[in-house]
Amino acid sequence: MYAVIATGGKQYRVTEGDTLKVEKLAGEEGSEIELDQVLMVADGDKIQVGTPMLDKGAVTAKIKSHGRGKKVEIVKFRRRKHHRKQMGHRQDYTEIEVTKIKA
């Protein structure tokens, strides 16, 4: 059984027991959260597709940790103009473990 969920502007295909990093979510480590933006649930040959979301679909997950990703270097450079700008960015994330899929 698997589900397609939407969180943080992205879509993820998840099954029970999966661990994934998503955009930062509110909540403490060890707490349970419910993701209710479920686009599709498939259980063998039985497939339910929402328009665009399933009404009674939900995915329960446990927050494992919060963190920050690897640094992304941004360099802006204009040739012959004596202009160079260098920046960095680290995106916040939440690591979750999917515990239950409900259709």
Protein backbone atom coordinates (compact mmCIF):
# COMPACT_ATOMS: atom_id res chain seq x y z
CA MET A 1 0.00 0.00 0.00
CA TYR A 2 1.32 3.43 -0.91
CA ALA A 3 0.09 7.02 -1.05
CA VAL A 4 1.03 10.22 -2.84
CA ILE A 5 1.02 13.22 -0.50
CA ALA A 6 1.67 16.95 -0.95
CA THR A 7 3.58 18.96 1.63
CA GLY A 8 5.84 21.99 1.35
CA GLY A 9 4.95 22.54 -2.32
CA LYS A 10 6.26 19.10 -3.32
CA GLN A 11 4.71 15.67 -3.84
CA TYR A 12 6.02 12.45 -2.30
CA ARG A 13 5.21 8.76 -2.85
CA VAL A 14 5.25 7.11 0.58
CA THR A 15 4.65 3.70 2.11
CA GLU A 16 4.42 2.71 5.78
CA GLY A 17 7.84 2.75 7.41
CA ASP A 18 9.39 5.22 4.95
CA THR A 19 11.67 7.97 6.26
CA LEU A 20 11.90 11.19 4.27
CA LYS A 21 13.01 14.81 4.59
CA VAL A 22 10.32 17.41 3.89
CA GLU A 23 10.11 21.19 4.24
CA LYS A 24 10.10 22.33 7.87
CA LEU A 25 6.92 21.41 9.77
CA ALA A 26 5.72 22.73 13.12
CA GLY A 27 6.00 20.24 15.97
CA GLU A 28 8.45 18.77 18.43
CA GLU A 29 10.65 15.74 17.89
CA GLY A 30 8.83 12.52 18.72
CA SER A 31 5.35 13.98 18.20
CA GLU A 32 2.78 12.61 15.74
CA ILE A 33 1.49 14.72 12.86
CA GLU A 34 -1.25 14.08 10.34
CA LEU A 35 -0.76 15.02 6.69
CA ASP A 36 -4.20 15.43 5.16
CA GLN A 37 -3.25 16.51 1.63
CA VAL A 38 -3.44 13.03 0.10
CA LEU A 39 -3.62 12.95 -3.70
CA MET A 40 -3.81 9.20 -4.27
CA VAL A 41 -3.90 5.91 -2.34
CA ALA A 42 -3.15 2.54 -3.96
CA ASP A 43 -3.69 -0.84 -2.28
CA GLY A 44 -2.89 -3.56 -4.82
CA ASP A 45 -5.40 -3.21 -7.66
CA LYS A 46 -7.61 -0.82 -5.67
CA ILE A 47 -6.62 2.75 -6.56
CA GLN A 48 -8.30 5.88 -5.23
CA VAL A 49 -7.50 9.19 -6.93
CA GLY A 50 -8.64 12.51 -5.50
CA THR A 51 -9.94 15.53 -7.37
CA PRO A 52 -7.47 17.02 -6.39
CA MET A 53 -7.39 15.66 -2.79
CA LEU A 54 -9.03 12.62 -1.19
CA ASP A 55 -11.75 13.65 1.26
CA LYS A 56 -11.08 11.06 3.98
CA GLY A 57 -7.44 10.33 3.20
CA ALA A 58 -4.72 10.97 5.77
CA VAL A 59 -1.14 9.92 6.42
CA THR A 60 0.12 9.77 10.00
CA ALA A 61 3.82 10.36 10.57
CA LYS A 62 6.22 10.73 13.48
CA ILE A 63 8.71 13.62 13.57
CA LYS A 64 12.20 12.14 13.96
CA SER A 65 14.31 15.31 13.81
CA HIS A 66 14.69 18.86 12.54
CA GLY A 67 17.79 20.06 10.73
CA ARG A 68 19.36 22.12 7.99
CA GLY A 69 20.50 20.90 4.60
CA LYS A 70 23.87 21.26 2.92
CA LYS A 71 25.00 24.75 1.97
CA VAL A 72 24.19 25.90 -1.54
CA GLU A 73 26.69 28.44 -2.89
CA ILE A 74 25.34 31.34 -4.96
CA VAL A 75 27.81 33.42 -7.00
CA LYS A 76 26.76 36.38 -9.11
CA PHE A 77 29.47 37.70 -11.39
CA ARG A 78 29.49 40.42 -14.05
CA ARG A 79 32.49 40.40 -16.29
CA ARG A 80 34.39 43.65 -16.87
CA LYS A 81 32.19 45.52 -14.34
CA HIS A 82 34.21 44.92 -11.15
CA HIS A 83 31.16 43.21 -9.62
CA ARG A 84 31.12 39.93 -7.72
CA LYS A 85 28.58 38.81 -5.13
CA GLN A 86 28.78 35.56 -3.17
CA MET A 87 26.09 34.13 -0.88
CA GLY A 88 25.13 30.84 0.72
CA HIS A 89 21.84 29.24 1.76
CA ARG A 90 20.90 26.31 4.01
CA GLN A 91 17.31 25.08 3.82
CA ASP A 92 15.50 23.92 6.98
CA TYR A 93 13.94 20.45 6.87
CA THR A 94 12.00 18.01 9.04
CA GLU A 95 12.74 14.30 8.94
CA ILE A 96 9.57 12.22 9.32
CA GLU A 97 8.74 8.52 9.45
CA VAL A 98 5.41 7.39 7.97
CA THR A 99 3.53 5.22 10.46
CA LYS A 100 0.02 4.81 8.99
CA ILE A 101 -1.86 5.40 5.72
CA LYS A 102 -5.62 5.86 5.92
CA ALA A 103 -7.82 6.02 2.82
